[in-house]
Amino acid sequence: QEGIYYYHALVLLQAELRISLSKITDGRAKQVQDKQRFVLFCANTSNTRDAERKIKEFYRKLRTILEEEEVSLLEKLRKEEADGTKKLKKKLQNLPEEIYSMERRIIEIEKDLAQQDHFTFLQVVRPTFTITLSFIYLRIVFSCHLLNCFFLCFPAALTFDRETAAPNVQVTGDNRRAVKRHFSGKVPDSPQRFGQDAVLAAEGFTAGAHYWEAEVEVLHDMQQIKDTLLGVACTSVQRKGDSPCNPENGFWVCPVGKLVELWQRRRTAEVSEKRKFTVGVYLNYEEGTVSFYDADAMSHVHTISGEFTEKVYPYFKLVHAMRFHCFNFYVSVT
C-alpha cells in the first residue's frame, strides 16, 4: 500500500510539473511576442520621426523659395509701376500739343469736305492724315467715317440672277442688263422665279455693310414710278402671287415715287425738272437697316429697320416706261 501511495504522489507531482512547465512556456512565448512588438514600435517610431524631420525640412525650403519669389515679384511690380507712371507723365505733357494739332487738322478736313467731292477728299486725306496713339479711339472713329465714304463712293458690283427673273423680265447674256417686257417669255418655271415684274441680284449677303446704286429714268409720266420698288428681299420670300412687299413678308423695300417726293421737298427747283434719279441703297446687316440715299447729293432720305435672320438679296420691281441703270449692271423697262 505504501508503494501505491508513492506512485499516486509521483503522478500528481508530474501533473503539477506539466502544468507549471506549460505556464512557464506560455509566459516565455508572451515575453517573446512583447519583445517583438517593442522592437517594431521602436522601429516605427524611428521612421515617423525621420518622416517628420523630412516634412519639416521640405516646408522650410518651400517657405524660403516662396519668400524669395514674393520679393522678386514685388520688386518687378514696383519697377513696372514706376516705368508706367513715367510714360504716362510724358504723354500728359504732350497731350495739349496733340489736342491743338488735332483741332487744326479737323478744321482742315471740314474745309476739304465742304469744298471737294468725295473722290478728291479720299485722295487728299488718305496720305496726309496721321495721328498719335494717344488718339487711337478718334482714329478708329474717323476710319469708320472713311469706310462709310468708301461705301458711298464705290458701290458694290452686282449682277442679275436670271433664275429669279419673272417671265416678263429678260436678263441679257452677261447678266448685267434686265429688260421689262409687255409679254412673258418662255422660261422654265421654278420656285426661285418671281411670278411678275421682279428680279433679284445674284449676290446675297449674310453679314456686313453693302452699298449699291440704281439710276431711275422716267420715260413718260412721273406717276409711273410710284409702284417701282428698290431694296432687299429674304431668300424665303413668296415669289408667286400678290403678297404685300413689307418686312413681315421678308421685303425691306421703298417705292421710288416716295423717295422722289422726299427729294422734291428738299430741292424742288432742281428735282422738278429732272427725269432721272440715282438712288443709293445702303444695307447694314448687323443693325438690321436698309437706308436709301439721294446719290447725286449724297444725302440720306429714308431708312427701314428690322431684323435679318437669313440671307438677303438686292430686290428690284420694275414698271413700264422706266429704265434702271445700276453700277455695273443695267435695268431697262420698255
Protein backbone atom coordinates (compact mmCIF):
# COMPACT_ATOMS: atom_id res chain seq x y z
CA GLN A 1 0.00 0.00 0.00
CA GLU A 2 2.90 2.31 0.74
CA GLY A 3 4.13 1.72 -2.84
CA ILE A 4 0.77 2.60 -4.27
CA TYR A 5 0.74 5.82 -2.25
CA TYR A 6 4.16 6.87 -3.59
CA TYR A 7 3.02 6.07 -7.13
CA HIS A 8 -0.04 8.31 -6.87
CA ALA A 9 2.07 11.05 -5.31
CA LEU A 10 4.50 10.80 -8.23
CA VAL A 11 1.68 11.03 -10.75
CA LEU A 12 0.27 14.13 -9.09
CA LEU A 13 3.70 15.69 -8.92
CA GLN A 14 4.26 15.00 -12.62
CA ALA A 15 0.90 16.59 -13.45
CA GLU A 16 1.73 19.65 -11.43
CA LEU A 17 5.13 19.85 -13.10
CA ARG A 18 3.49 19.66 -16.53
CA ILE A 19 1.08 22.45 -15.60
CA SER A 20 3.93 24.58 -14.27
CA LEU A 21 6.00 23.88 -17.39
CA SER A 22 3.07 24.84 -19.62
CA LYS A 23 2.65 28.12 -17.73
CA ILE A 24 6.36 28.83 -18.00
CA THR A 25 6.29 28.07 -21.75
CA ASP A 26 3.27 30.32 -22.31
CA GLY A 27 4.87 33.11 -20.32
CA ARG A 28 8.06 32.77 -22.31
CA ALA A 29 6.15 32.96 -25.59
CA LYS A 30 4.32 36.07 -24.40
CA GLN A 31 7.61 37.67 -23.41
CA VAL A 32 8.96 36.94 -26.88
CA GLN A 33 5.85 38.49 -28.51
CA ASP A 34 6.05 41.55 -26.26
CA LYS A 35 9.70 41.98 -27.17
CA GLN A 36 8.87 41.72 -30.88
CA ARG A 37 6.11 44.33 -30.50
CA PHE A 38 8.50 46.63 -28.67
CA VAL A 39 11.13 46.26 -31.38
CA LEU A 40 8.54 47.03 -34.09
CA PHE A 41 7.27 50.02 -32.09
CA CYS A 42 10.78 51.39 -31.77
CA ALA A 43 11.35 50.90 -35.49
CA ASN A 44 8.08 52.65 -36.40
CA THR A 45 8.82 55.48 -34.01
CA SER A 46 12.18 55.96 -35.68
CA ASN A 47 10.57 56.04 -39.16
CA THR A 48 7.91 58.52 -38.00
CA ARG A 49 10.48 60.85 -36.57
CA ASP A 50 12.53 60.61 -39.74
CA ALA A 51 9.45 61.38 -41.84
CA GLU A 52 8.56 64.29 -39.58
CA ARG A 53 12.06 65.65 -39.94
CA LYS A 54 11.90 65.36 -43.73
CA ILE A 55 8.48 67.08 -43.90
CA LYS A 56 9.68 69.97 -41.77
CA GLU A 57 12.79 70.35 -43.93
CA PHE A 58 10.72 70.32 -47.16
CA TYR A 59 8.33 73.05 -46.00
CA ARG A 60 11.19 75.12 -44.64
CA LYS A 61 12.78 75.12 -48.10
CA LEU A 62 9.38 75.80 -49.73
CA ARG A 63 8.79 78.83 -47.49
CA THR A 64 12.22 80.13 -48.40
CA ILE A 65 11.51 79.77 -52.12
CA LEU A 66 8.10 81.48 -51.81
CA GLU A 67 9.53 84.35 -49.84
CA GLU A 68 12.26 84.87 -52.44
CA GLU A 69 9.66 84.73 -55.24
CA GLU A 70 7.46 87.24 -53.41
CA VAL A 71 10.35 89.66 -53.04
CA SER A 72 11.23 89.27 -56.75
CA LEU A 73 7.65 89.83 -57.96
CA LEU A 74 7.09 92.85 -55.74
CA GLU A 75 10.31 94.39 -56.99
CA LYS A 76 9.30 93.77 -60.61
CA LEU A 77 5.85 95.28 -59.96
CA ARG A 78 7.35 98.41 -58.41
CA LYS A 79 9.65 98.81 -61.40
CA GLU A 80 6.79 98.43 -63.92
CA GLU A 81 4.67 100.89 -61.95
CA ALA A 82 7.49 103.43 -61.97
CA ASP A 83 8.04 102.97 -65.73
CA GLY A 84 4.29 103.28 -66.43
CA THR A 85 4.00 106.42 -64.34
CA LYS A 86 6.95 107.93 -66.18
CA LYS A 87 5.44 107.17 -69.60
CA LEU A 88 2.03 108.48 -68.53
CA LYS A 89 3.52 111.76 -67.33
CA LYS A 90 5.35 112.13 -70.63
CA LYS A 91 2.12 111.54 -72.61
CA LEU A 92 0.24 114.02 -70.43
CA GLN A 93 2.91 116.63 -71.11
CA ASN A 94 2.49 116.11 -74.88
CA LEU A 95 -1.31 115.97 -74.75
CA PRO A 96 -2.06 119.72 -75.13
CA GLU A 97 0.12 119.91 -78.22
CA GLU A 98 -1.57 116.84 -79.71
CA ILE A 99 -5.02 118.27 -78.99
CA TYR A 100 -4.10 121.54 -80.68
CA SER A 101 -2.71 119.67 -83.69
CA MET A 102 -5.84 117.54 -83.90
CA GLU A 103 -8.16 120.56 -83.74
CA ARG A 104 -6.25 122.21 -86.57
CA ARG A 105 -6.44 119.02 -88.64
CA ILE A 106 -10.20 118.68 -88.02
CA ILE A 107 -10.73 122.25 -89.25
CA GLU A 108 -8.72 121.46 -92.40
CA ILE A 109 -10.73 118.28 -93.03
CA GLU A 110 -14.03 120.13 -92.59
CA LYS A 111 -12.88 122.68 -95.16
CA ASP A 112 -11.92 119.85 -97.54
CA LEU A 113 -15.31 118.20 -97.05
CA ALA A 114 -17.09 121.46 -97.82
CA GLN A 115 -15.06 122.29 -100.92
CA GLN A 116 -14.29 118.92 -102.54
CA ASP A 117 -16.22 115.97 -103.87
CA HIS A 118 -15.85 112.59 -102.16
CA PHE A 119 -13.33 111.15 -104.61
CA THR A 120 -11.00 114.14 -104.28
CA PHE A 121 -11.43 114.13 -100.50
CA LEU A 122 -10.38 110.49 -100.22
CA GLN A 123 -7.34 111.09 -102.42
CA VAL A 124 -6.25 114.06 -100.29
CA VAL A 125 -6.97 112.74 -96.82
CA ARG A 126 -5.51 109.26 -97.00
CA PRO A 127 -1.81 110.10 -97.48
CA THR A 128 -1.81 113.13 -95.16
CA PHE A 129 -3.95 112.10 -92.22
CA THR A 130 -1.81 110.86 -89.31
CA ILE A 131 -2.47 110.73 -85.60
CA THR A 132 -0.64 109.70 -82.44
CA LEU A 133 -1.50 106.69 -80.32
CA SER A 134 -2.98 108.97 -77.68
CA PHE A 135 -5.93 109.49 -80.03
CA ILE A 136 -6.34 105.90 -81.16
CA TYR A 137 -10.09 105.97 -80.41
CA LEU A 138 -10.59 109.09 -82.52
CA ARG A 139 -8.60 107.47 -85.28
CA ILE A 140 -10.92 104.45 -85.22
CA VAL A 141 -13.99 106.70 -85.38
CA PHE A 142 -12.54 108.66 -88.27
CA SER A 143 -11.62 105.41 -90.04
CA CYS A 144 -15.25 104.32 -89.74
CA HIS A 145 -16.28 107.60 -91.38
CA LEU A 146 -13.81 106.98 -94.20
CA LEU A 147 -15.21 103.46 -94.56
CA ASN A 148 -18.71 104.87 -94.98
CA CYS A 149 -17.36 107.30 -97.56
CA PHE A 150 -15.77 104.35 -99.33
CA PHE A 151 -19.10 102.50 -99.47
CA LEU A 152 -20.90 105.61 -100.73
CA CYS A 153 -18.27 106.34 -103.38
CA PHE A 154 -17.59 102.78 -104.57
CA PRO A 155 -20.86 100.81 -104.83
CA ALA A 156 -20.96 97.02 -104.90
CA ALA A 157 -20.64 95.27 -108.25
CA LEU A 158 -23.84 93.30 -108.80
CA THR A 159 -25.25 91.04 -111.49
CA PHE A 160 -28.78 89.82 -112.06
CA ASP A 161 -29.83 86.28 -111.20
CA ARG A 162 -31.66 85.09 -114.31
CA GLU A 163 -33.13 82.16 -112.35
CA THR A 164 -35.17 84.64 -110.27
CA ALA A 165 -36.28 86.94 -113.11
CA ALA A 166 -40.03 86.96 -113.75
CA PRO A 167 -41.14 85.71 -117.19
CA ASN A 168 -41.77 89.31 -118.31
CA VAL A 169 -38.25 90.39 -117.25
CA GLN A 170 -35.47 89.45 -119.66
CA VAL A 171 -31.86 89.18 -118.46
CA THR A 172 -29.13 89.52 -121.10
CA GLY A 173 -26.26 87.11 -121.65
CA ASP A 174 -23.78 88.87 -119.37
CA ASN A 175 -26.36 89.08 -116.56
CA ARG A 176 -25.85 92.84 -116.34
CA ARG A 177 -28.93 94.06 -118.17
CA ALA A 178 -32.61 93.39 -117.49
CA VAL A 179 -35.48 94.48 -119.73
CA LYS A 180 -39.15 94.68 -118.70
CA ARG A 181 -41.34 93.29 -121.46
CA HIS A 182 -45.09 93.59 -122.06
CA PHE A 183 -45.31 89.85 -122.70
CA SER A 184 -43.97 86.85 -120.85
CA GLY A 185 -41.13 84.89 -122.36
CA LYS A 186 -40.80 81.12 -122.39
CA VAL A 187 -38.68 80.30 -119.38
CA PRO A 188 -38.67 77.19 -117.18
CA ASP A 189 -40.73 77.66 -114.04
CA SER A 190 -39.02 77.11 -110.69
CA PRO A 191 -39.61 78.00 -107.02
CA GLN A 192 -36.88 80.65 -107.27
CA ARG A 193 -38.53 82.57 -110.12
CA PHE A 194 -40.84 85.52 -109.42
CA GLY A 195 -44.27 85.46 -110.95
CA GLN A 196 -44.23 89.00 -112.35
CA ASP A 197 -42.13 92.17 -112.73
CA ALA A 198 -39.38 91.35 -110.18
CA VAL A 199 -35.79 90.13 -110.20
CA LEU A 200 -33.04 89.66 -107.60
CA ALA A 201 -29.34 90.29 -107.81
CA ALA A 202 -27.17 87.18 -107.87
CA GLU A 203 -25.12 88.38 -104.92
CA GLY A 204 -26.65 87.89 -101.46
CA PHE A 205 -25.46 88.99 -98.05
CA THR A 206 -25.46 87.41 -94.57
CA ALA A 207 -23.26 89.96 -92.80
CA GLY A 208 -21.53 93.31 -93.17
CA ALA A 209 -22.41 96.61 -94.82
CA HIS A 210 -23.05 96.92 -98.57
CA TYR A 211 -23.98 99.75 -100.92
CA TRP A 212 -25.25 99.87 -104.50
CA GLU A 213 -26.90 102.46 -106.74
CA ALA A 214 -29.67 102.43 -109.31
CA GLU A 215 -30.27 105.18 -111.83
CA VAL A 216 -34.02 105.53 -112.39
CA GLU A 217 -35.06 107.21 -115.63
CA VAL A 218 -38.70 108.17 -116.19
CA LEU A 219 -39.55 107.99 -119.88
CA HIS A 220 -43.10 109.35 -119.76
CA ASP A 221 -45.40 110.09 -116.81
CA MET A 222 -43.76 110.68 -113.43
CA GLN A 223 -46.71 108.90 -111.78
CA GLN A 224 -45.42 105.63 -113.23
CA ILE A 225 -42.63 105.41 -110.68
CA LYS A 226 -44.91 105.05 -107.64
CA ASP A 227 -45.04 101.23 -107.92
CA THR A 228 -41.36 100.80 -108.68
CA LEU A 229 -39.59 99.20 -105.70
CA LEU A 230 -35.97 99.05 -104.60
CA GLY A 231 -34.48 97.37 -101.54
CA VAL A 232 -33.71 93.84 -100.34
CA ALA A 233 -35.64 90.59 -100.01
CA CYS A 234 -35.03 87.46 -97.95
CA THR A 235 -34.33 84.11 -99.58
CA SER A 236 -37.61 82.65 -98.33
CA VAL A 237 -39.99 85.33 -99.69
CA GLN A 238 -43.09 84.22 -101.57
CA ARG A 239 -42.27 84.67 -105.25
CA LYS A 240 -45.64 83.90 -106.75
CA GLY A 241 -48.90 85.75 -106.11
CA ASP A 242 -49.61 89.25 -104.83
CA SER A 243 -48.38 89.19 -101.23
CA PRO A 244 -47.54 92.70 -99.90
CA CYS A 245 -43.90 93.72 -100.11
CA ASN A 246 -43.34 94.53 -96.44
CA PRO A 247 -40.91 93.39 -93.71
CA GLU A 248 -43.47 90.91 -92.33
CA ASN A 249 -43.25 89.07 -95.67
CA GLY A 250 -39.45 89.40 -95.95
CA PHE A 251 -39.25 92.56 -98.10
CA TRP A 252 -37.39 95.71 -96.99
CA VAL A 253 -38.21 97.97 -99.94
CA CYS A 254 -39.23 101.54 -100.69
CA PRO A 255 -41.23 102.90 -103.64
CA VAL A 256 -39.09 105.10 -105.83
CA GLY A 257 -42.00 107.52 -106.03
CA LYS A 258 -41.83 108.09 -102.27
CA LEU A 259 -38.11 108.82 -102.49
CA VAL A 260 -38.67 111.30 -105.32
CA GLU A 261 -41.34 113.08 -103.27
CA LEU A 262 -38.88 113.47 -100.40
CA TRP A 263 -36.27 114.81 -102.79
CA GLN A 264 -38.73 117.32 -104.21
CA ARG A 265 -39.40 118.72 -100.74
CA ARG A 266 -35.68 119.33 -100.21
CA ARG A 267 -34.69 120.76 -103.57
CA THR A 268 -37.86 121.46 -105.52
CA ALA A 269 -36.42 123.75 -108.15
CA GLU A 270 -33.84 121.20 -109.21
CA VAL A 271 -35.84 117.98 -108.91
CA SER A 272 -38.97 119.20 -110.65
CA GLU A 273 -37.05 119.44 -113.92
CA LYS A 274 -35.35 116.06 -113.61
CA ARG A 275 -36.40 112.86 -115.31
CA LYS A 276 -33.53 110.78 -113.97
CA PHE A 277 -32.67 109.98 -110.34
CA THR A 278 -29.85 107.99 -108.79
CA VAL A 279 -30.94 106.01 -105.73
CA GLY A 280 -28.32 104.67 -103.33
CA VAL A 281 -29.20 101.63 -101.21
CA TYR A 282 -27.13 101.00 -98.08
CA LEU A 283 -27.58 97.69 -96.25
CA ASN A 284 -26.23 97.15 -92.73
CA TYR A 285 -26.98 93.52 -91.95
CA GLU A 286 -25.98 93.53 -88.27
CA GLU A 287 -28.00 96.66 -87.48
CA GLY A 288 -30.99 95.40 -89.49
CA THR A 289 -31.33 98.58 -91.56
CA VAL A 290 -31.81 99.41 -95.24
CA SER A 291 -31.17 103.09 -95.98
CA PHE A 292 -31.94 104.99 -99.17
CA TYR A 293 -29.88 107.94 -100.37
CA ASP A 294 -30.12 110.69 -102.91
CA ALA A 295 -26.88 109.56 -104.50
CA ASP A 296 -26.48 112.74 -106.55
CA ALA A 297 -26.44 114.90 -103.40
CA MET A 298 -25.04 112.14 -101.13
CA SER A 299 -27.81 112.81 -98.60
CA HIS A 300 -29.89 110.37 -96.57
CA VAL A 301 -33.58 110.16 -97.49
CA HIS A 302 -35.23 107.20 -95.76
CA THR A 303 -34.40 104.15 -93.59
CA ILE A 304 -36.27 100.91 -92.96
CA SER A 305 -35.40 98.99 -89.78
CA GLY A 306 -35.90 95.34 -88.91
CA GLU A 307 -34.00 92.19 -88.08
CA PHE A 308 -32.37 89.91 -90.66
CA THR A 309 -32.29 86.21 -89.83
CA GLU A 310 -31.37 84.82 -93.24
CA LYS A 311 -29.62 85.74 -96.46
CA VAL A 312 -30.92 88.85 -98.24
CA TYR A 313 -30.58 89.91 -101.88
CA PRO A 314 -30.94 93.27 -103.66
CA TYR A 315 -34.51 93.38 -104.97
CA PHE A 316 -35.94 95.23 -107.99
CA LYS A 317 -39.55 95.52 -109.09
CA LEU A 318 -39.96 97.16 -112.48
CA VAL A 319 -42.88 99.00 -114.07
CA HIS A 320 -43.31 100.01 -117.69
CA ALA A 321 -41.83 103.08 -119.31
CA MET A 322 -38.83 103.19 -116.99
CA ARG A 323 -35.14 102.33 -117.02
CA PHE A 324 -32.82 101.29 -114.19
CA HIS A 325 -29.13 101.77 -114.65
CA CYS A 326 -27.11 100.37 -111.77
CA PHE A 327 -23.38 100.37 -111.22
CA ASN A 328 -22.01 97.51 -113.30
CA PHE A 329 -25.44 96.39 -114.44
CA TYR A 330 -28.35 97.89 -116.30
CA VAL A 331 -32.12 97.61 -115.98
CA SER A 332 -34.36 98.75 -118.81
CA VAL A 333 -38.15 98.93 -118.89
CA THR A 334 -39.91 99.42 -122.20
